[in-house]
Amino acid sequence: MPVPPNNCTDSPRPAPTAAENGASFDPGYLAAKKSIDDRALNRLVWAELCQALPQTTAVKPANIMEIGAGIGTMLTRMVDWGLLTGPVTYLATDRDAVHLRQARHHLAAWADGHGYSWYWSGDQRGLLVTAHAEISLVLEQACAEELALRTETTGTLHLLIAHAVLDLINLAAVLPGLLAQLTPNGLAYLTCNFDGSTLFLPEYPGGMEQEILGRYHASMETRLTGASHTGRRLLHFLQRPGLELLAAGSSDWVVHARNEAYSADESLFLHAMIATVEQELTGKSGPAPAGLATWARTRHRQIEAGTLSLLVRNLDFLARRRPPLP
């Protein structure tokens, strides 16, 4: 994975589907992960978001910003699941220009498949019109660190979204600035935050897998202290003065075979997870654990045989910025 420009760190969690030489992450992986995320996202937290997001008018549209937006799957989900109605402005940011270019194609194809009207004006601006919403979209290459320092947008957002990205961000240094972009009573929807547990089944013999996964989680800590327990850190952080934690719940990734087979998305996702672990521990944090390559080959074969299951612990949160006292 290349060093992001300007010390930016927000992008999808390091994935095995990175292109050669680390130029970008495979958009196919991001597209496949959507179905995994769809069933993982906590429905109680989602329901609270639906209740808390205020209705808007043409005079006062909902103003939304997403960090680490990838190819735009969260925006499509919010339309498909009926959250976005009326006029909306949606700023989709990502540090990776490749993702944003792919977002244009992904969003246009999705809109066409649903019979929505989509108009592009230039490379970075679009207008989506559905039966229930009119969404003005801006795609912008930017990272969380930059966005947190913007003074011209302070106090203007009704909703901040960060999906499966906050374990790459220095929470104490960056998150207060991001939350300062919210209006009084503005909402932060922070989802699929990793919280320290990755489990593959069936159990791997000999205890080797515990060392492999322990080293893998430790590599997150080497990159950024606290990253491997982002979920529980957010649970504490979002209860600090000036914030109200409205809802929290698990959003675990759970993948298992049905009739000894997976969907195409599930198969791609599982192979990606195994490759992530192997690549992360090969030459990046000292000598690779003994038997790492054998472990990876075994787990890949189990995917092909339809016998591997995966459980990854994540947490979802919805928080509100409290208005200042009179």
Protein backbone atom coordinates (compact mmCIF):
# COMPACT_ATOMS: atom_id res chain seq x y z
CA MET A 1 0.00 0.00 0.00
CA PRO A 2 1.58 3.33 -1.02
CA VAL A 3 2.00 6.17 1.41
CA PRO A 4 -1.03 8.42 0.88
CA PRO A 5 -0.36 12.02 -0.12
CA ASN A 6 -0.26 14.65 2.64
CA ASN A 7 -0.24 11.86 5.27
CA CYS A 8 -3.83 10.99 4.40
CA THR A 9 -4.87 7.62 5.75
CA ASP A 10 -8.55 7.18 5.00
CA SER A 11 -9.36 4.50 2.44
CA PRO A 12 -10.89 1.06 2.75
CA ARG A 13 -9.13 -1.17 5.28
CA PRO A 14 -5.96 -2.65 3.70
CA ALA A 15 -7.34 -5.28 1.36
CA PRO A 16 -5.73 -8.20 -0.41
CA THR A 17 -7.20 -7.03 -3.65
CA ALA A 18 -4.78 -4.15 -3.99
CA ALA A 19 -3.56 -3.79 -7.52
CA GLU A 20 0.03 -4.59 -8.40
CA ASN A 21 2.56 -2.19 -6.88
CA GLY A 22 -0.17 -0.96 -4.51
CA ALA A 23 -1.52 1.53 -7.01
CA SER A 24 -5.12 1.10 -5.90
CA PHE A 25 -7.62 -1.29 -4.36
CA ASP A 26 -9.57 -3.53 -6.69
CA PRO A 27 -13.01 -1.97 -7.23
CA GLY A 28 -14.34 -5.49 -7.73
CA TYR A 29 -13.50 -6.26 -4.10
CA LEU A 30 -15.28 -3.11 -2.94
CA ALA A 31 -18.34 -4.03 -5.00
CA ALA A 32 -18.34 -7.60 -3.65
CA LYS A 33 -17.98 -6.41 -0.06
CA LYS A 34 -21.24 -4.47 -0.32
CA SER A 35 -23.38 -7.59 0.02
CA ILE A 36 -21.35 -8.65 3.07
CA ASP A 37 -21.81 -5.21 4.61
CA ASP A 38 -25.52 -5.12 3.74
CA ARG A 39 -26.29 -8.01 6.05
CA ALA A 40 -23.72 -6.97 8.68
CA LEU A 41 -24.90 -3.42 9.30
CA ASN A 42 -26.77 -3.16 12.58
CA ARG A 43 -30.47 -2.66 11.86
CA LEU A 44 -31.23 -1.02 15.23
CA VAL A 45 -28.56 1.62 14.60
CA TRP A 46 -29.88 2.07 11.06
CA ALA A 47 -33.44 2.47 12.33
CA GLU A 48 -32.29 5.14 14.78
CA LEU A 49 -30.58 6.97 11.93
CA CYS A 50 -33.80 6.90 9.90
CA GLN A 51 -35.67 8.39 12.84
CA ALA A 52 -33.06 11.01 13.71
CA LEU A 53 -32.21 12.40 10.25
CA PRO A 54 -34.41 15.49 9.85
CA GLN A 55 -36.76 15.97 6.94
CA THR A 56 -35.47 18.54 4.49
CA THR A 57 -36.86 21.02 1.99
CA ALA A 58 -35.65 22.58 -1.22
CA VAL A 59 -34.62 25.61 0.82
CA LYS A 60 -32.69 23.50 3.37
CA PRO A 61 -31.46 20.26 1.76
CA ALA A 62 -29.74 17.60 3.83
CA ASN A 63 -25.98 18.19 3.71
CA ILE A 64 -24.03 14.91 3.91
CA MET A 65 -20.32 14.07 3.75
CA GLU A 66 -18.79 10.59 3.53
CA ILE A 67 -15.11 9.92 4.13
CA GLY A 68 -13.45 6.95 2.44
CA ALA A 69 -16.42 6.60 0.09
CA GLY A 70 -14.69 4.13 -2.26
CA ILE A 71 -16.83 3.41 -5.32
CA GLY A 72 -20.03 4.83 -3.82
CA THR A 73 -21.68 1.73 -2.34
CA MET A 74 -22.88 3.56 0.80
CA LEU A 75 -24.70 6.15 -1.31
CA THR A 76 -26.48 3.43 -3.30
CA ARG A 77 -27.42 1.67 -0.07
CA MET A 78 -28.90 4.82 1.42
CA VAL A 79 -31.08 5.28 -1.63
CA ASP A 80 -32.01 1.59 -1.91
CA TRP A 81 -32.91 1.41 1.79
CA GLY A 82 -35.05 4.53 1.64
CA LEU A 83 -33.05 6.86 3.91
CA LEU A 84 -32.52 9.70 1.44
CA THR A 85 -35.67 11.53 0.45
CA GLY A 86 -36.20 15.08 -0.77
CA PRO A 87 -33.27 17.31 -1.71
CA VAL A 88 -29.80 16.15 -0.62
CA THR A 89 -26.23 17.35 -1.17
CA TYR A 90 -23.75 14.48 -0.87
CA LEU A 91 -19.98 15.00 -0.76
CA ALA A 92 -18.26 11.65 -1.36
CA THR A 93 -14.56 11.86 -0.51
CA ASP A 94 -11.73 9.37 -0.87
CA ARG A 95 -7.97 9.75 -0.88
CA ASP A 96 -7.74 7.49 -3.94
CA ALA A 97 -8.57 9.09 -7.29
CA VAL A 98 -8.93 5.61 -8.84
CA HIS A 99 -11.84 4.87 -6.52
CA LEU A 100 -13.57 8.10 -7.44
CA ARG A 101 -13.19 7.43 -11.16
CA GLN A 102 -14.70 3.99 -10.64
CA ALA A 103 -17.49 5.56 -8.57
CA ARG A 104 -18.65 7.45 -11.66
CA HIS A 105 -19.08 4.18 -13.57
CA HIS A 106 -20.50 2.23 -10.63
CA LEU A 107 -23.08 4.87 -9.74
CA ALA A 108 -24.14 5.44 -13.34
CA ALA A 109 -24.62 1.70 -13.93
CA TRP A 110 -26.56 1.33 -10.67
CA ALA A 111 -28.83 4.29 -11.53
CA ASP A 112 -29.47 2.93 -15.02
CA GLY A 113 -30.34 -0.48 -13.58
CA HIS A 114 -32.92 1.11 -11.29
CA GLY A 115 -34.40 3.42 -13.89
CA TYR A 116 -33.15 6.55 -12.13
CA SER A 117 -32.09 9.71 -13.93
CA TRP A 118 -28.39 10.51 -13.56
CA TYR A 119 -26.69 13.56 -15.05
CA TRP A 120 -22.97 14.32 -14.88
CA SER A 121 -21.67 17.87 -15.18
CA GLY A 122 -17.92 17.48 -15.43
CA ASP A 123 -15.84 14.74 -13.85
CA GLN A 124 -16.79 15.35 -10.23
CA ARG A 125 -20.40 16.51 -10.10
CA GLY A 126 -23.59 14.61 -10.70
CA LEU A 127 -27.33 14.86 -10.12
CA LEU A 128 -29.40 11.79 -9.24
CA VAL A 129 -33.17 12.01 -9.50
CA THR A 130 -35.37 9.20 -8.15
CA ALA A 131 -39.07 9.04 -7.34
CA HIS A 132 -38.32 10.23 -3.79
CA ALA A 133 -35.02 12.12 -3.82
CA GLU A 134 -32.92 14.60 -5.72
CA ILE A 135 -29.26 14.17 -4.81
CA SER A 136 -26.54 16.61 -5.84
CA LEU A 137 -23.31 14.61 -5.69
CA VAL A 138 -19.74 15.88 -5.53
CA LEU A 139 -16.78 13.48 -5.77
CA GLU A 140 -13.65 14.89 -4.16
CA GLN A 141 -10.19 13.46 -3.64
CA ALA A 142 -9.44 14.31 -0.02
CA CYS A 143 -8.50 12.58 3.20
CA ALA A 144 -9.92 12.78 6.70
CA GLU A 145 -7.01 14.82 8.01
CA GLU A 146 -7.63 17.52 5.42
CA LEU A 147 -11.38 17.52 5.90
CA ALA A 148 -11.05 17.85 9.67
CA LEU A 149 -9.13 21.11 9.25
CA ARG A 150 -11.60 22.83 6.92
CA THR A 151 -12.98 25.97 8.50
CA GLU A 152 -15.31 26.95 5.67
CA THR A 153 -17.52 23.89 6.28
CA THR A 154 -17.47 23.90 10.09
CA GLY A 155 -20.97 23.45 11.47
CA THR A 156 -22.62 22.79 8.09
CA LEU A 157 -23.15 19.01 7.89
CA HIS A 158 -26.37 17.27 8.86
CA LEU A 159 -24.75 13.84 8.52
CA LEU A 160 -21.15 12.55 8.57
CA ILE A 161 -20.57 8.98 7.34
CA ALA A 162 -17.50 6.81 7.85
CA HIS A 163 -17.79 3.16 6.85
CA ALA A 164 -15.06 0.58 7.63
CA VAL A 165 -12.42 3.29 7.61
CA LEU A 166 -11.84 4.69 11.09
CA ASP A 167 -9.24 2.07 12.02
CA LEU A 168 -6.94 3.91 9.60
CA ILE A 169 -7.43 7.28 11.31
CA ASN A 170 -5.88 8.76 14.43
CA LEU A 171 -9.17 9.14 16.27
CA ALA A 172 -7.98 11.51 18.99
CA ALA A 173 -6.30 13.84 16.51
CA VAL A 174 -8.78 13.79 13.60
CA LEU A 175 -12.26 12.81 14.76
CA PRO A 176 -12.94 15.98 16.82
CA GLY A 177 -12.31 18.08 13.73
CA LEU A 178 -14.59 15.91 11.62
CA LEU A 179 -17.37 16.08 14.21
CA ALA A 180 -16.94 19.86 14.35
CA GLN A 181 -18.18 19.93 10.75
CA LEU A 182 -21.63 18.90 12.03
CA THR A 183 -24.44 21.33 12.69
CA PRO A 184 -25.87 21.40 16.21
CA ASN A 185 -27.83 18.12 16.40
CA GLY A 186 -25.94 16.88 13.33
CA LEU A 187 -25.40 13.11 13.14
CA ALA A 188 -22.35 10.85 12.76
CA TYR A 189 -23.03 7.40 11.32
CA LEU A 190 -19.86 5.35 11.89
CA THR A 191 -20.09 1.74 10.76
CA CYS A 192 -18.20 -1.57 10.59
CA ASN A 193 -15.51 -0.47 13.05
CA PHE A 194 -13.14 -3.39 13.65
CA ASP A 195 -12.89 -4.52 17.26
CA GLY A 196 -10.08 -7.01 17.67
CA SER A 197 -11.41 -10.42 16.65
CA THR A 198 -10.95 -12.43 13.45
CA LEU A 199 -12.01 -16.08 13.51
CA PHE A 200 -11.75 -18.74 10.80
CA LEU A 201 -13.45 -22.13 11.10
CA PRO A 202 -12.86 -25.05 11.10
CA GLU A 203 -10.16 -24.65 13.72
CA TYR A 204 -6.68 -24.89 12.23
CA PRO A 205 -4.62 -27.67 13.86
CA GLY A 206 -1.59 -27.03 16.01
CA GLY A 207 -2.26 -23.54 17.32
CA MET A 208 -0.44 -21.88 14.42
CA GLU A 209 -3.42 -19.76 13.42
CA GLN A 210 -3.49 -17.99 16.79
CA GLU A 211 0.04 -16.77 16.15
CA ILE A 212 -0.77 -15.74 12.58
CA LEU A 213 -3.86 -13.76 13.53
CA GLY A 214 -2.16 -12.34 16.60
CA ARG A 215 0.64 -11.04 14.40
CA TYR A 216 -1.91 -9.71 11.92
CA HIS A 217 -3.74 -7.73 14.59
CA ALA A 218 -0.42 -6.53 16.00
CA SER A 219 0.50 -5.17 12.56
CA MET A 220 -2.52 -2.86 12.81
CA GLU A 221 -1.15 -1.55 16.10
CA THR A 222 2.26 -1.00 14.52
CA ARG A 223 0.61 1.11 11.85
CA LEU A 224 -1.56 3.04 14.31
CA THR A 225 -1.86 2.51 18.04
CA GLY A 226 -5.35 1.38 19.01
CA ALA A 227 -6.39 0.50 15.45
CA SER A 228 -7.19 -3.12 16.25
CA HIS A 229 -9.76 -2.04 18.86
CA THR A 230 -11.33 0.90 17.06
CA GLY A 231 -14.85 -0.20 17.93
CA ARG A 232 -14.48 -0.09 21.70
CA ARG A 233 -12.46 3.11 21.53
CA LEU A 234 -15.31 4.77 19.64
CA LEU A 235 -17.82 3.50 22.20
CA HIS A 236 -15.93 5.49 24.81
CA PHE A 237 -15.06 8.47 22.60
CA LEU A 238 -18.62 9.13 21.46
CA GLN A 239 -19.80 9.61 25.05
CA ARG A 240 -17.53 12.58 25.69
CA PRO A 241 -18.99 16.03 26.46
CA GLY A 242 -20.63 17.68 23.48
CA LEU A 243 -21.76 14.37 21.97
CA GLU A 244 -24.74 12.09 22.50
CA LEU A 245 -24.43 8.42 21.63
CA LEU A 246 -27.85 7.58 20.17
CA ALA A 247 -27.29 3.93 19.24
CA ALA A 248 -24.60 1.27 19.13
CA GLY A 249 -24.54 -2.37 18.10
CA SER A 250 -22.59 -5.16 16.48
CA SER A 251 -22.06 -5.35 12.72
CA ASP A 252 -20.02 -8.52 12.44
CA TRP A 253 -18.96 -9.90 9.09
CA VAL A 254 -20.24 -13.51 9.10
CA VAL A 255 -19.67 -15.66 6.02
CA HIS A 256 -20.46 -19.37 5.71
CA ALA A 257 -21.28 -21.78 2.93
CA ARG A 258 -24.75 -22.95 2.01
CA ASN A 259 -24.88 -26.38 0.38
CA GLU A 260 -21.07 -26.31 0.28
CA ALA A 261 -21.02 -23.16 -1.85
CA TYR A 262 -20.78 -19.38 -1.52
CA SER A 263 -22.11 -16.56 -3.60
CA ALA A 264 -19.55 -15.03 -5.97
CA ASP A 265 -19.24 -12.03 -3.63
CA GLU A 266 -18.66 -14.24 -0.61
CA SER A 267 -16.02 -16.33 -2.36
CA LEU A 268 -14.13 -13.24 -3.50
CA PHE A 269 -14.37 -11.71 -0.03
CA LEU A 270 -13.05 -14.83 1.73
CA HIS A 271 -10.11 -15.25 -0.65
CA ALA A 272 -9.40 -11.55 -0.11
CA MET A 273 -9.33 -11.91 3.67
CA ILE A 274 -6.84 -14.79 3.53
CA ALA A 275 -4.64 -12.91 1.08
CA THR A 276 -4.76 -9.80 3.28
CA VAL A 277 -3.35 -11.69 6.25
CA GLU A 278 -0.66 -13.39 4.18
CA GLN A 279 0.45 -10.20 2.45
CA GLU A 280 0.48 -8.19 5.65
CA LEU A 281 2.77 -10.71 7.38
CA THR A 282 5.16 -11.30 4.48
CA GLY A 283 8.18 -9.07 4.86
CA LYS A 284 6.39 -6.17 6.54
CA SER A 285 6.76 -6.96 10.23
CA GLY A 286 9.82 -9.17 10.47
CA PRO A 287 10.09 -12.77 9.34
CA ALA A 288 6.80 -14.35 8.34
CA PRO A 289 5.37 -16.86 10.82
CA ALA A 290 6.46 -20.41 10.12
CA GLY A 291 3.84 -22.19 8.05
CA LEU A 292 2.10 -19.01 6.87
CA ALA A 293 2.09 -20.05 3.21
CA THR A 294 0.79 -23.52 4.09
CA TRP A 295 -1.94 -21.99 6.23
CA ALA A 296 -3.02 -19.69 3.40
CA ARG A 297 -3.08 -22.52 0.84
CA THR A 298 -5.16 -24.66 3.19
CA ARG A 299 -7.68 -21.90 3.83
CA HIS A 300 -7.96 -21.09 0.10
CA ARG A 301 -8.64 -24.79 -0.62
CA GLN A 302 -11.33 -24.81 2.07
CA ILE A 303 -13.02 -21.91 0.33
CA GLU A 304 -13.02 -23.84 -2.94
CA ALA A 305 -14.48 -26.84 -1.09
CA GLY A 306 -17.16 -24.72 0.59
CA THR A 307 -16.04 -25.56 4.12
CA LEU A 308 -14.60 -22.30 5.49
CA SER A 309 -16.48 -19.91 7.76
CA LEU A 310 -15.43 -16.42 8.86
CA LEU A 311 -16.40 -14.17 11.75
CA VAL A 312 -14.97 -10.64 12.08
CA ARG A 313 -16.04 -8.48 15.01
CA ASN A 314 -17.28 -4.96 14.10
CA LEU A 315 -19.36 -2.27 15.81
CA ASP A 316 -21.74 0.41 14.45
CA PHE A 317 -22.49 3.78 16.06
CA LEU A 318 -24.81 6.71 15.64
CA ALA A 319 -23.91 9.88 17.56
CA ARG A 320 -25.31 13.38 17.68
CA ARG A 321 -23.47 16.64 18.20
CA ARG A 322 -25.14 18.38 21.12
CA PRO A 323 -26.09 22.02 20.56
CA PRO A 324 -24.20 24.53 22.70
CA LEU A 325 -25.82 25.56 25.96
CA PRO A 326 -27.65 28.90 25.77
